[in-house]
Amino acid sequence: MGDPTRKAALFDALATTGKALSNGKRLELLDLLAQGERSVDALAKAAGLNLTTASAHLQTLKQAGLVTTRRDGVRIHYRLAGDDVAALYALLQQVARTHLAATEQARAAYLGPEDTDHLTREQLLERVKAGTAAVIDVRPAEEYAAGHIPGALSIPLDQLEARLAELPADAEVVAYCRGTNCVLAHDAVRLLAARGRTARRLADGMLEWRLADLPVEAGTA
């Protein structure tokens, strides 16, 4: 039958991972780290946290084995401990949307109305191969540099309106961002449509693209 005490210790150890995931801000930090390595300062700013709170959350994630660190002088940089952590985060989102109605309601409230057309990854690859789409990455530039869809142009959302002239007038524009719960691509398509451009968004984003083992390039534009 096994030793009940040792069995309890095993399940308590498994629960450590669950506890680390049981905080919205820690999930937001994982969402950011799924885009690439970042310093504590950068993570705190992106997540809207003070440095002390961000550090505490990151330590919890590290103690659970979900993230690792690298020191660069006085700066500490965090990254996901592996692709399996990204896959776990993606699966958590999928399970929550499937089995908890409040998740889908909150997602709809955040992303806004279903007023933007989207493409699957397969459809985007077909359009890129055919040369019929201009692909734009509307995430912050540092996330683009950490890894992006080959051939995509880096135009962060807050720069898009000022850089419309950089986009070919006769091509469909396809915008993508972090993942299935990222609002940036939705807002980019709304802006482009309001300016008379034909635009769609990738149905998910860079997290799912990586997990599908599709080609990724790194480096600045």
N, C-alpha and C. Protein backbone atom coordinates (compact mmCIF):
# COMPACT_ATOMS: atom_id res chain seq x y z
N MET A 1 0.82 -1.22 0.00
CA MET A 1 0.00 0.00 0.00
C MET A 1 0.85 1.26 0.00
N GLY A 2 2.11 1.13 0.42
CA GLY A 2 2.97 2.31 0.47
C GLY A 2 2.85 3.04 1.79
N ASP A 3 3.84 3.86 2.06
CA ASP A 3 3.89 4.62 3.31
C ASP A 3 3.03 5.88 3.18
N PRO A 4 1.97 6.02 3.98
CA PRO A 4 1.09 7.20 3.88
C PRO A 4 1.83 8.52 4.08
N THR A 5 2.82 8.52 4.96
CA THR A 5 3.57 9.75 5.22
C THR A 5 4.35 10.18 3.99
N ARG A 6 4.98 9.20 3.34
CA ARG A 6 5.74 9.52 2.13
C ARG A 6 4.82 9.91 0.97
N LYS A 7 3.67 9.27 0.92
CA LYS A 7 2.70 9.64 -0.10
C LYS A 7 2.24 11.08 0.09
N ALA A 8 1.96 11.44 1.35
CA ALA A 8 1.55 12.82 1.64
C ALA A 8 2.63 13.81 1.27
N ALA A 9 3.89 13.44 1.54
CA ALA A 9 5.01 14.32 1.20
C ALA A 9 5.11 14.52 -0.30
N LEU A 10 4.85 13.45 -1.07
CA LEU A 10 4.87 13.56 -2.53
C LEU A 10 3.83 14.55 -3.02
N PHE A 11 2.60 14.42 -2.53
CA PHE A 11 1.54 15.30 -3.00
C PHE A 11 1.72 16.73 -2.50
N ASP A 12 2.32 16.88 -1.34
CA ASP A 12 2.65 18.22 -0.86
C ASP A 12 3.69 18.87 -1.77
N ALA A 13 4.65 18.07 -2.23
CA ALA A 13 5.67 18.60 -3.14
C ALA A 13 5.03 19.02 -4.46
N LEU A 14 4.10 18.22 -4.97
CA LEU A 14 3.39 18.58 -6.20
C LEU A 14 2.58 19.86 -6.00
N ALA A 15 2.02 20.02 -4.81
CA ALA A 15 1.19 21.19 -4.53
C ALA A 15 2.00 22.49 -4.54
N THR A 16 3.31 22.39 -4.36
CA THR A 16 4.15 23.59 -4.39
C THR A 16 4.02 24.30 -5.72
N THR A 17 3.98 23.52 -6.80
CA THR A 17 3.80 24.12 -8.12
C THR A 17 2.44 24.78 -8.24
N GLY A 18 1.41 24.08 -7.76
CA GLY A 18 0.06 24.65 -7.81
C GLY A 18 -0.04 25.94 -7.03
N LYS A 19 0.58 25.98 -5.87
CA LYS A 19 0.54 27.20 -5.04
C LYS A 19 1.22 28.36 -5.75
N ALA A 20 2.33 28.07 -6.43
CA ALA A 20 3.04 29.13 -7.15
C ALA A 20 2.19 29.72 -8.27
N LEU A 21 1.30 28.89 -8.83
CA LEU A 21 0.46 29.34 -9.93
C LEU A 21 -0.85 29.97 -9.47
N SER A 22 -1.06 30.02 -8.15
CA SER A 22 -2.37 30.43 -7.63
C SER A 22 -2.46 31.92 -7.36
N ASN A 23 -1.75 32.71 -8.14
CA ASN A 23 -1.78 34.16 -7.96
C ASN A 23 -1.78 34.81 -9.34
N GLY A 24 -2.71 35.73 -9.58
CA GLY A 24 -2.84 36.34 -10.89
C GLY A 24 -1.60 37.08 -11.34
N LYS A 25 -0.94 37.78 -10.45
CA LYS A 25 0.26 38.53 -10.83
C LYS A 25 1.41 37.59 -11.18
N ARG A 26 1.49 36.46 -10.48
CA ARG A 26 2.55 35.51 -10.83
C ARG A 26 2.29 34.91 -12.22
N LEU A 27 1.03 34.68 -12.54
CA LEU A 27 0.71 34.21 -13.89
C LEU A 27 1.04 35.27 -14.93
N GLU A 28 0.81 36.52 -14.60
CA GLU A 28 1.16 37.60 -15.52
C GLU A 28 2.67 37.66 -15.74
N LEU A 29 3.43 37.42 -14.69
CA LEU A 29 4.89 37.38 -14.84
C LEU A 29 5.32 36.21 -15.73
N LEU A 30 4.68 35.07 -15.57
CA LEU A 30 4.97 33.94 -16.46
C LEU A 30 4.61 34.28 -17.90
N ASP A 31 3.51 34.98 -18.09
CA ASP A 31 3.09 35.40 -19.42
C ASP A 31 4.17 36.26 -20.07
N LEU A 32 4.73 37.17 -19.30
CA LEU A 32 5.80 38.03 -19.81
C LEU A 32 7.07 37.23 -20.09
N LEU A 33 7.41 36.33 -19.19
CA LEU A 33 8.63 35.54 -19.36
C LEU A 33 8.51 34.54 -20.50
N ALA A 34 7.30 34.18 -20.87
CA ALA A 34 7.11 33.31 -22.03
C ALA A 34 7.57 33.98 -23.32
N GLN A 35 7.70 35.32 -23.28
CA GLN A 35 8.19 36.07 -24.45
C GLN A 35 9.71 36.16 -24.49
N GLY A 36 10.36 35.87 -23.36
CA GLY A 36 11.82 35.95 -23.32
C GLY A 36 12.32 36.42 -21.97
N GLU A 37 13.61 36.30 -21.79
CA GLU A 37 14.25 36.69 -20.53
C GLU A 37 14.09 38.18 -20.27
N ARG A 38 13.92 38.53 -18.97
CA ARG A 38 13.79 39.94 -18.59
C ARG A 38 14.40 40.17 -17.22
N SER A 39 14.81 41.40 -16.99
CA SER A 39 15.32 41.79 -15.68
C SER A 39 14.16 41.98 -14.71
N VAL A 40 14.48 41.99 -13.43
CA VAL A 40 13.46 42.23 -12.41
C VAL A 40 12.82 43.59 -12.63
N ASP A 41 13.63 44.59 -12.91
CA ASP A 41 13.11 45.95 -13.14
C ASP A 41 12.10 45.96 -14.29
N ALA A 42 12.47 45.32 -15.40
CA ALA A 42 11.60 45.31 -16.57
C ALA A 42 10.30 44.56 -16.29
N LEU A 43 10.39 43.47 -15.56
CA LEU A 43 9.20 42.69 -15.23
C LEU A 43 8.27 43.49 -14.32
N ALA A 44 8.86 44.16 -13.32
CA ALA A 44 8.06 44.95 -12.40
C ALA A 44 7.30 46.05 -13.15
N LYS A 45 7.98 46.73 -14.05
CA LYS A 45 7.34 47.81 -14.82
C LYS A 45 6.24 47.27 -15.71
N ALA A 46 6.52 46.18 -16.41
CA ALA A 46 5.54 45.63 -17.34
C ALA A 46 4.30 45.09 -16.63
N ALA A 47 4.48 44.57 -15.42
CA ALA A 47 3.37 43.99 -14.67
C ALA A 47 2.70 44.99 -13.74
N GLY A 48 3.19 46.22 -13.70
CA GLY A 48 2.59 47.24 -12.84
C GLY A 48 2.80 46.98 -11.36
N LEU A 49 3.99 46.47 -11.02
CA LEU A 49 4.31 46.14 -9.63
C LEU A 49 5.49 46.97 -9.14
N ASN A 50 5.56 47.18 -7.82
CA ASN A 50 6.79 47.77 -7.31
C ASN A 50 7.86 46.68 -7.25
N LEU A 51 9.10 47.10 -7.11
CA LEU A 51 10.23 46.18 -7.22
C LEU A 51 10.19 45.10 -6.13
N THR A 52 9.82 45.49 -4.92
CA THR A 52 9.78 44.54 -3.81
C THR A 52 8.75 43.45 -4.04
N THR A 53 7.56 43.85 -4.48
CA THR A 53 6.49 42.87 -4.72
C THR A 53 6.84 41.96 -5.88
N ALA A 54 7.38 42.54 -6.95
CA ALA A 54 7.77 41.73 -8.11
C ALA A 54 8.82 40.70 -7.71
N SER A 55 9.82 41.13 -6.93
CA SER A 55 10.88 40.22 -6.49
C SER A 55 10.32 39.08 -5.66
N ALA A 56 9.37 39.39 -4.78
CA ALA A 56 8.77 38.35 -3.94
C ALA A 56 8.02 37.32 -4.78
N HIS A 57 7.26 37.79 -5.76
CA HIS A 57 6.54 36.86 -6.64
C HIS A 57 7.52 36.00 -7.44
N LEU A 58 8.58 36.62 -7.93
CA LEU A 58 9.57 35.88 -8.72
C LEU A 58 10.29 34.85 -7.87
N GLN A 59 10.54 35.17 -6.62
CA GLN A 59 11.17 34.20 -5.72
C GLN A 59 10.26 32.99 -5.49
N THR A 60 8.97 33.24 -5.37
CA THR A 60 8.02 32.13 -5.22
C THR A 60 8.05 31.23 -6.45
N LEU A 61 8.08 31.83 -7.62
CA LEU A 61 8.15 31.05 -8.85
C LEU A 61 9.46 30.28 -8.95
N LYS A 62 10.53 30.90 -8.48
CA LYS A 62 11.84 30.23 -8.52
C LYS A 62 11.88 29.05 -7.55
N GLN A 63 11.34 29.24 -6.36
CA GLN A 63 11.32 28.16 -5.37
C GLN A 63 10.50 26.97 -5.85
N ALA A 64 9.52 27.23 -6.71
CA ALA A 64 8.70 26.15 -7.28
C ALA A 64 9.36 25.54 -8.51
N GLY A 65 10.51 26.06 -8.90
CA GLY A 65 11.23 25.51 -10.04
C GLY A 65 10.69 25.93 -11.39
N LEU A 66 9.87 26.97 -11.41
CA LEU A 66 9.25 27.40 -12.66
C LEU A 66 10.09 28.41 -13.43
N VAL A 67 10.97 29.12 -12.75
CA VAL A 67 11.86 30.09 -13.40
C VAL A 67 13.28 29.91 -12.89
N THR A 68 14.23 30.38 -13.67
CA THR A 68 15.63 30.38 -13.27
C THR A 68 16.17 31.80 -13.43
N THR A 69 17.36 32.04 -12.92
CA THR A 69 17.93 33.38 -12.93
C THR A 69 19.33 33.39 -13.54
N ARG A 70 19.70 34.58 -13.98
CA ARG A 70 21.05 34.85 -14.47
C ARG A 70 21.47 36.21 -13.97
N ARG A 71 22.66 36.31 -13.43
CA ARG A 71 23.14 37.60 -12.93
C ARG A 71 24.02 38.28 -13.99
N ASP A 72 23.77 39.58 -14.20
CA ASP A 72 24.58 40.39 -15.10
C ASP A 72 24.97 41.64 -14.32
N GLY A 73 26.13 41.58 -13.67
CA GLY A 73 26.53 42.67 -12.78
C GLY A 73 25.61 42.72 -11.58
N VAL A 74 24.94 43.85 -11.38
CA VAL A 74 24.02 43.97 -10.25
C VAL A 74 22.60 43.60 -10.65
N ARG A 75 22.37 43.31 -11.91
CA ARG A 75 21.03 43.00 -12.38
C ARG A 75 20.79 41.49 -12.36
N ILE A 76 19.57 41.13 -11.97
CA ILE A 76 19.13 39.74 -12.01
C ILE A 76 18.12 39.59 -13.14
N HIS A 77 18.38 38.64 -14.01
CA HIS A 77 17.47 38.37 -15.12
C HIS A 77 16.78 37.04 -14.89
N TYR A 78 15.49 37.00 -15.18
CA TYR A 78 14.69 35.79 -15.02
C TYR A 78 14.29 35.24 -16.38
N ARG A 79 14.12 33.93 -16.43
CA ARG A 79 13.59 33.26 -17.62
C ARG A 79 12.83 32.02 -17.17
N LEU A 80 11.97 31.51 -18.03
CA LEU A 80 11.26 30.27 -17.71
C LEU A 80 12.27 29.14 -17.59
N ALA A 81 11.96 28.19 -16.71
CA ALA A 81 12.88 27.07 -16.48
C ALA A 81 12.92 26.10 -17.65
N GLY A 82 11.92 26.16 -18.54
CA GLY A 82 11.91 25.28 -19.69
C GLY A 82 10.66 25.46 -20.51
N ASP A 83 10.65 24.84 -21.69
CA ASP A 83 9.47 24.92 -22.54
C ASP A 83 8.27 24.25 -21.89
N ASP A 84 8.54 23.29 -20.99
CA ASP A 84 7.42 22.63 -20.32
C ASP A 84 6.65 23.59 -19.42
N VAL A 85 7.34 24.60 -18.90
CA VAL A 85 6.65 25.61 -18.08
C VAL A 85 5.73 26.45 -18.96
N ALA A 86 6.22 26.82 -20.15
CA ALA A 86 5.37 27.55 -21.10
C ALA A 86 4.16 26.71 -21.49
N ALA A 87 4.38 25.41 -21.70
CA ALA A 87 3.28 24.53 -22.07
C ALA A 87 2.27 24.39 -20.92
N LEU A 88 2.78 24.33 -19.70
CA LEU A 88 1.90 24.27 -18.53
C LEU A 88 1.05 25.52 -18.44
N TYR A 89 1.65 26.68 -18.65
CA TYR A 89 0.92 27.94 -18.59
C TYR A 89 -0.15 28.00 -19.68
N ALA A 90 0.21 27.57 -20.88
CA ALA A 90 -0.76 27.57 -21.98
C ALA A 90 -1.92 26.61 -21.68
N LEU A 91 -1.62 25.45 -21.11
CA LEU A 91 -2.66 24.48 -20.79
C LEU A 91 -3.56 24.98 -19.67
N LEU A 92 -2.98 25.67 -18.70
CA LEU A 92 -3.78 26.26 -17.62
C LEU A 92 -4.81 27.22 -18.20
N GLN A 93 -4.39 28.05 -19.15
CA GLN A 93 -5.32 28.99 -19.78
C GLN A 93 -6.45 28.24 -20.50
N GLN A 94 -6.08 27.20 -21.22
CA GLN A 94 -7.07 26.44 -21.97
C GLN A 94 -8.08 25.76 -21.04
N VAL A 95 -7.59 25.15 -19.97
CA VAL A 95 -8.48 24.46 -19.03
C VAL A 95 -9.41 25.47 -18.35
N ALA A 96 -8.86 26.62 -17.96
CA ALA A 96 -9.68 27.63 -17.29
C ALA A 96 -10.79 28.13 -18.22
N ARG A 97 -10.46 28.37 -19.49
CA ARG A 97 -11.47 28.85 -20.44
C ARG A 97 -12.53 27.79 -20.71
N THR A 98 -12.13 26.52 -20.71
CA THR A 98 -13.05 25.44 -21.03
C THR A 98 -14.00 25.13 -19.88
N HIS A 99 -13.49 25.20 -18.66
CA HIS A 99 -14.25 24.68 -17.52
C HIS A 99 -14.72 25.74 -16.53
N LEU A 100 -14.33 26.99 -16.72
CA LEU A 100 -14.73 28.03 -15.78
C LEU A 100 -15.29 29.21 -16.57
N ALA A 101 -16.60 29.36 -16.52
CA ALA A 101 -17.26 30.38 -17.32
C ALA A 101 -16.75 31.78 -17.01
N ALA A 102 -16.40 32.02 -15.76
CA ALA A 102 -15.92 33.35 -15.37
C ALA A 102 -14.65 33.74 -16.11
N THR A 103 -13.84 32.75 -16.47
CA THR A 103 -12.61 33.03 -17.20
C THR A 103 -12.92 33.59 -18.58
N GLU A 104 -13.83 32.95 -19.29
CA GLU A 104 -14.20 33.42 -20.62
C GLU A 104 -14.87 34.78 -20.55
N GLN A 105 -15.66 35.02 -19.51
CA GLN A 105 -16.31 36.31 -19.34
C GLN A 105 -15.28 37.41 -19.10
N ALA A 106 -14.30 37.12 -18.26
CA ALA A 106 -13.24 38.10 -17.97
C ALA A 106 -12.40 38.35 -19.21
N ARG A 107 -12.15 37.30 -19.97
CA ARG A 107 -11.37 37.45 -21.20
C ARG A 107 -12.10 38.33 -22.21
N ALA A 108 -13.38 38.10 -22.38
CA ALA A 108 -14.18 38.90 -23.31
C ALA A 108 -14.23 40.36 -22.89
N ALA A 109 -14.33 40.60 -21.58
CA ALA A 109 -14.37 41.97 -21.08
C ALA A 109 -13.04 42.68 -21.33
N TYR A 110 -11.94 41.95 -21.23
CA TYR A 110 -10.62 42.54 -21.43
C TYR A 110 -10.30 42.76 -22.90
N LEU A 111 -10.55 41.75 -23.74
CA LEU A 111 -10.18 41.84 -25.15
C LEU A 111 -11.16 42.68 -25.97
N GLY A 112 -12.36 42.85 -25.46
CA GLY A 112 -13.35 43.66 -26.18
C GLY A 112 -14.21 42.81 -27.10
N PRO A 113 -15.07 43.46 -27.87
CA PRO A 113 -16.02 42.73 -28.73
C PRO A 113 -15.32 41.93 -29.81
N GLU A 114 -16.03 40.92 -30.32
CA GLU A 114 -15.50 40.08 -31.40
C GLU A 114 -15.67 40.82 -32.73
N ASP A 115 -14.90 41.89 -32.89
CA ASP A 115 -15.04 42.74 -34.07
C ASP A 115 -13.79 42.71 -34.96
N THR A 116 -12.92 41.72 -34.74
CA THR A 116 -11.70 41.60 -35.55
C THR A 116 -11.62 40.21 -36.16
N ASP A 117 -11.23 40.16 -37.44
CA ASP A 117 -11.03 38.87 -38.09
C ASP A 117 -9.70 38.28 -37.68
N HIS A 118 -9.62 36.95 -37.69
CA HIS A 118 -8.37 36.31 -37.30
C HIS A 118 -8.00 35.18 -38.24
N LEU A 119 -6.73 34.78 -38.17
CA LEU A 119 -6.18 33.68 -38.95
C LEU A 119 -5.58 32.65 -38.01
N THR A 120 -5.56 31.40 -38.46
CA THR A 120 -4.83 30.38 -37.72
C THR A 120 -3.35 30.48 -38.08
N ARG A 121 -2.52 29.76 -37.34
CA ARG A 121 -1.10 29.73 -37.67
C ARG A 121 -0.87 29.18 -39.07
N GLU A 122 -1.62 28.13 -39.43
CA GLU A 122 -1.47 27.51 -40.74
C GLU A 122 -1.83 28.49 -41.86
N GLN A 123 -2.90 29.25 -41.66
CA GLN A 123 -3.31 30.23 -42.67
C GLN A 123 -2.29 31.35 -42.80
N LEU A 124 -1.71 31.76 -41.68
CA LEU A 124 -0.68 32.79 -41.73
C LEU A 124 0.54 32.30 -42.50
N LEU A 125 0.98 31.07 -42.24
CA LEU A 125 2.12 30.51 -42.95
C LEU A 125 1.87 30.46 -44.46
N GLU A 126 0.65 30.10 -44.85
CA GLU A 126 0.30 30.06 -46.27
C GLU A 126 0.40 31.44 -46.90
N ARG A 127 -0.10 32.46 -46.20
CA ARG A 127 -0.06 33.81 -46.74
C ARG A 127 1.37 34.34 -46.83
N VAL A 128 2.18 34.03 -45.83
CA VAL A 128 3.58 34.46 -45.86
C VAL A 128 4.31 33.81 -47.03
N LYS A 129 4.07 32.51 -47.21
CA LYS A 129 4.70 31.79 -48.32
C LYS A 129 4.29 32.35 -49.66
N ALA A 130 3.02 32.75 -49.77
CA ALA A 130 2.52 33.31 -51.02
C ALA A 130 2.87 34.78 -51.20
N GLY A 131 3.37 35.41 -50.14
CA GLY A 131 3.74 36.82 -50.21
C GLY A 131 2.55 37.75 -50.28
N THR A 132 1.42 37.33 -49.72
CA THR A 132 0.20 38.15 -49.80
C THR A 132 -0.12 38.88 -48.50
N ALA A 133 0.73 38.73 -47.49
CA ALA A 133 0.46 39.38 -46.20
C ALA A 133 1.70 40.07 -45.67
N ALA A 134 1.48 41.22 -45.05
CA ALA A 134 2.53 41.92 -44.32
C ALA A 134 2.32 41.63 -42.84
N VAL A 135 3.25 40.95 -42.21
CA VAL A 135 3.11 40.53 -40.83
C VAL A 135 3.77 41.54 -39.91
N ILE A 136 3.03 42.00 -38.89
CA ILE A 136 3.60 42.96 -37.94
C ILE A 136 3.52 42.39 -36.52
N ASP A 137 4.58 42.59 -35.79
CA ASP A 137 4.68 42.20 -34.38
C ASP A 137 4.44 43.46 -33.56
N VAL A 138 3.32 43.50 -32.84
CA VAL A 138 2.94 44.71 -32.13
C VAL A 138 3.30 44.66 -30.64
N ARG A 139 4.14 43.70 -30.25
CA ARG A 139 4.65 43.65 -28.88
C ARG A 139 5.74 44.70 -28.68
N PRO A 140 6.15 44.97 -27.45
CA PRO A 140 7.28 45.85 -27.22
C PRO A 140 8.53 45.34 -27.94
N ALA A 141 9.42 46.26 -28.30
CA ALA A 141 10.58 45.91 -29.12
C ALA A 141 11.47 44.85 -28.49
N GLU A 142 11.60 44.85 -27.14
CA GLU A 142 12.48 43.88 -26.50
C GLU A 142 11.93 42.46 -26.63
N GLU A 143 10.61 42.32 -26.71
CA GLU A 143 10.02 41.00 -26.90
C GLU A 143 10.24 40.53 -28.34
N TYR A 144 10.13 41.44 -29.29
CA TYR A 144 10.43 41.11 -30.68
C TYR A 144 11.87 40.63 -30.81
N ALA A 145 12.78 41.34 -30.15
CA ALA A 145 14.20 40.99 -30.24
C ALA A 145 14.48 39.61 -29.66
N ALA A 146 13.72 39.22 -28.64
CA ALA A 146 13.93 37.91 -28.00
C ALA A 146 13.47 36.77 -28.89
N GLY A 147 12.57 37.04 -29.82
CA GLY A 147 12.09 36.00 -30.72
C GLY A 147 10.81 36.42 -31.41
N HIS A 148 10.79 36.29 -32.75
CA HIS A 148 9.62 36.72 -33.51
C HIS A 148 9.41 35.81 -34.72
N ILE A 149 8.24 35.94 -35.34
CA ILE A 149 7.95 35.19 -36.55
C ILE A 149 8.86 35.70 -37.67
N PRO A 150 9.54 34.80 -38.37
CA PRO A 150 10.45 35.24 -39.44
C PRO A 150 9.76 36.14 -40.46
N GLY A 151 10.42 37.26 -40.76
CA GLY A 151 9.88 38.20 -41.73
C GLY A 151 8.95 39.24 -41.15
N ALA A 152 8.58 39.10 -39.89
CA ALA A 152 7.67 40.07 -39.28
C ALA A 152 8.38 41.40 -39.04
N LEU A 153 7.64 42.47 -39.19
CA LEU A 153 8.14 43.81 -38.93
C LEU A 153 7.76 44.22 -37.51
N SER A 154 8.72 44.75 -36.77
CA SER A 154 8.45 45.20 -35.41
C SER A 154 7.83 46.59 -35.43
N ILE A 155 6.55 46.67 -35.08
CA ILE A 155 5.87 47.95 -34.93
C ILE A 155 5.05 47.87 -33.64
N PRO A 156 5.63 48.24 -32.50
CA PRO A 156 4.87 48.23 -31.25
C PRO A 156 3.57 49.01 -31.39
N LEU A 157 2.55 48.56 -30.70
CA LEU A 157 1.22 49.15 -30.86
C LEU A 157 1.23 50.66 -30.68
N ASP A 158 2.01 51.17 -29.72
CA ASP A 158 2.01 52.61 -29.48
C ASP A 158 2.70 53.41 -30.59
N GLN A 159 3.32 52.71 -31.56
CA GLN A 159 3.95 53.37 -32.70
C GLN A 159 3.18 53.16 -34.00
N LEU A 160 2.17 52.33 -33.96
CA LEU A 160 1.54 51.87 -35.20
C LEU A 160 0.96 53.01 -36.03
N GLU A 161 0.19 53.89 -35.41
CA GLU A 161 -0.45 54.95 -36.19
C GLU A 161 0.58 55.84 -36.88
N ALA A 162 1.69 56.12 -36.20
CA ALA A 162 2.72 56.99 -36.77
C ALA A 162 3.52 56.29 -37.87
N ARG A 163 3.42 54.97 -37.96
CA ARG A 163 4.24 54.22 -38.92
C ARG A 163 3.40 53.50 -39.99
N LEU A 164 2.17 53.93 -40.18
CA LEU A 164 1.30 53.29 -41.16
C LEU A 164 1.91 53.33 -42.56
N ALA A 165 2.66 54.35 -42.88
CA ALA A 165 3.24 54.48 -44.22
C ALA A 165 4.25 53.39 -44.51
N GLU A 166 4.76 52.72 -43.49
CA GLU A 166 5.74 51.64 -43.69
C GLU A 166 5.09 50.36 -44.19
N LEU A 167 3.76 50.28 -44.11
CA LEU A 167 3.06 49.07 -44.50
C LEU A 167 2.62 49.17 -45.96
N PRO A 168 2.82 48.12 -46.74
CA PRO A 168 2.41 48.16 -48.16
C PRO A 168 0.91 48.37 -48.28
N ALA A 169 0.52 49.27 -49.16
CA ALA A 169 -0.89 49.64 -49.29
C ALA A 169 -1.73 48.53 -49.91
N ASP A 170 -1.11 47.63 -50.68
CA ASP A 170 -1.87 46.63 -51.42
C ASP A 170 -1.85 45.25 -50.77
N ALA A 171 -1.35 45.14 -49.55
CA ALA A 171 -1.25 43.84 -48.89
C ALA A 171 -2.12 43.79 -47.63
N GLU A 172 -2.61 42.62 -47.35
CA GLU A 172 -3.30 42.41 -46.09
C GLU A 172 -2.29 42.48 -44.95
N VAL A 173 -2.65 43.12 -43.87
CA VAL A 173 -1.78 43.21 -42.70
C VAL A 173 -2.25 42.20 -41.66
N VAL A 174 -1.31 41.42 -41.14
CA VAL A 174 -1.63 40.46 -40.08
C VAL A 174 -0.81 40.83 -38.86
N ALA A 175 -1.50 41.12 -37.76
CA ALA A 175 -0.84 41.51 -36.52
C ALA A 175 -0.86 40.35 -35.52
N TYR A 176 0.22 40.26 -34.76
CA TYR A 176 0.23 39.27 -33.68
C TYR A 176 0.90 39.86 -32.45
N CYS A 177 0.62 39.23 -31.29
CA CYS A 177 1.26 39.68 -30.06
C CYS A 177 1.65 38.48 -29.20
N ARG A 178 1.40 38.53 -27.90
CA ARG A 178 1.98 37.54 -27.00
C ARG A 178 1.30 36.19 -27.04
N GLY A 179 -0.02 36.17 -27.04
CA GLY A 179 -0.73 34.90 -26.96
C GLY A 179 -2.21 35.10 -27.04
N THR A 180 -2.92 34.05 -26.72
CA THR A 180 -4.38 34.06 -26.89
C THR A 180 -5.09 35.09 -26.02
N ASN A 181 -4.45 35.54 -24.94
CA ASN A 181 -5.08 36.54 -24.06
C ASN A 181 -4.44 37.91 -24.18
N CYS A 182 -3.75 38.15 -25.27
CA CYS A 182 -3.08 39.45 -25.48
C CYS A 182 -3.99 40.38 -26.28
N VAL A 183 -4.19 41.58 -25.77
CA VAL A 183 -5.10 42.53 -26.40
C VAL A 183 -4.44 43.37 -27.49
N LEU A 184 -3.12 43.36 -27.55
CA LEU A 184 -2.41 44.27 -28.46
C LEU A 184 -2.78 44.05 -29.92
N ALA A 185 -2.86 42.79 -30.35
CA ALA A 185 -3.20 42.52 -31.75
C ALA A 185 -4.64 42.93 -32.06
N HIS A 186 -5.54 42.71 -31.12
CA HIS A 186 -6.93 43.15 -31.30
C HIS A 186 -6.98 44.66 -31.55
N ASP A 187 -6.28 45.41 -30.69
CA ASP A 187 -6.30 46.87 -30.82
C ASP A 187 -5.60 47.33 -32.09
N ALA A 188 -4.58 46.60 -32.51
CA ALA A 188 -3.88 46.95 -33.75
C ALA A 188 -4.80 46.79 -34.95
N VAL A 189 -5.55 45.69 -35.00
CA VAL A 189 -6.46 45.46 -36.12
C VAL A 189 -7.58 46.50 -36.12
N ARG A 190 -8.07 46.86 -34.94
CA ARG A 190 -9.11 47.90 -34.87
C ARG A 190 -8.58 49.22 -35.41
N LEU A 191 -7.35 49.57 -35.05
CA LEU A 191 -6.76 50.82 -35.53
C LEU A 191 -6.58 50.79 -37.04
N LEU A 192 -6.06 49.68 -37.54
CA LEU A 192 -5.81 49.56 -38.98
C LEU A 192 -7.13 49.63 -39.76
N ALA A 193 -8.15 48.94 -39.27
CA ALA A 193 -9.45 48.96 -39.94
C ALA A 193 -10.04 50.37 -39.97
N ALA A 194 -9.86 51.09 -38.87
CA ALA A 194 -10.36 52.46 -38.81
C ALA A 194 -9.65 53.38 -39.79
N ARG A 195 -8.43 52.99 -40.19
CA ARG A 195 -7.66 53.78 -41.15
C ARG A 195 -7.81 53.23 -42.57
N GLY A 196 -8.78 52.35 -42.75
CA GLY A 196 -9.09 51.85 -44.09
C GLY A 196 -8.19 50.74 -44.59
N ARG A 197 -7.45 50.10 -43.71
CA ARG A 197 -6.56 49.02 -44.13
C ARG A 197 -7.22 47.66 -43.91
N THR A 198 -6.91 46.72 -44.77
CA THR A 198 -7.37 45.34 -44.60
C THR A 198 -6.44 44.65 -43.60
N ALA A 199 -7.00 44.23 -42.48
CA ALA A 199 -6.15 43.70 -41.42
C ALA A 199 -6.83 42.55 -40.69
N ARG A 200 -6.03 41.60 -40.28
CA ARG A 200 -6.47 40.49 -39.44
C ARG A 200 -5.42 40.28 -38.37
N ARG A 201 -5.76 39.43 -37.41
CA ARG A 201 -4.81 39.10 -36.35
C ARG A 201 -4.60 37.60 -36.30
N LEU A 202 -3.46 37.21 -35.79
CA LEU A 202 -3.23 35.80 -35.51
C LEU A 202 -4.13 35.39 -34.36
N ALA A 203 -4.77 34.24 -34.47
CA ALA A 203 -5.76 33.83 -33.47
C ALA A 203 -5.16 33.66 -32.09
N ASP A 204 -3.89 33.29 -32.01
CA ASP A 204 -3.25 33.19 -30.69
C ASP A 204 -2.04 34.12 -30.67
N GLY A 205 -0.83 33.62 -30.52
CA GLY A 205 0.31 34.52 -30.48
C GLY A 205 1.64 33.80 -30.38
N MET A 206 2.64 34.54 -29.90
CA MET A 206 4.00 34.03 -29.91
C MET A 206 4.17 32.84 -28.98
N LEU A 207 3.46 32.80 -27.86
CA LEU A 207 3.55 31.66 -26.96
C LEU A 207 3.16 30.38 -27.68
N GLU A 208 2.02 30.39 -28.31
CA GLU A 208 1.53 29.20 -29.00
C GLU A 208 2.37 28.87 -30.23
N TRP A 209 2.88 29.91 -30.88
CA TRP A 209 3.75 29.71 -32.06
C TRP A 209 4.99 28.93 -31.66
N ARG A 210 5.62 29.33 -30.55
CA ARG A 210 6.81 28.62 -30.07
C ARG A 210 6.47 27.18 -29.68
N LEU A 211 5.37 27.00 -28.97
CA LEU A 211 5.00 25.67 -28.51
C LEU A 211 4.67 24.73 -29.67
N ALA A 212 4.26 25.30 -30.81
CA ALA A 212 4.01 24.49 -32.01
C ALA A 212 5.30 24.18 -32.76
N ASP A 213 6.43 24.63 -32.22
CA ASP A 213 7.76 24.38 -32.80
C ASP A 213 7.87 24.95 -34.21
N LEU A 214 7.26 26.12 -34.41
CA LEU A 214 7.37 26.81 -35.69
C LEU A 214 8.62 27.70 -35.70
N PRO A 215 9.09 28.13 -36.88
CA PRO A 215 10.33 28.90 -36.96
C PRO A 215 10.25 30.21 -36.18
N VAL A 216 11.34 30.53 -35.50
CA VAL A 216 11.45 31.76 -34.72
C VAL A 216 12.80 32.40 -35.03
N GLU A 217 12.80 33.70 -35.25
CA GLU A 217 14.03 34.46 -35.42
C GLU A 217 14.24 35.35 -34.21
N ALA A 218 15.49 35.65 -33.89
CA ALA A 218 15.81 36.58 -32.81
C ALA A 218 16.61 37.74 -33.38
N GLY A 219 16.60 38.85 -32.65
CA GLY A 219 17.35 40.02 -33.09
C GLY A 219 16.45 41.20 -33.34
N THR A 220 17.02 42.37 -33.34
CA THR A 220 16.25 43.61 -33.53
C THR A 220 15.93 43.82 -35.00
N ALA A 221 14.99 44.71 -35.23
CA ALA A 221 14.56 44.99 -36.61
C ALA A 221 15.66 45.68 -37.39
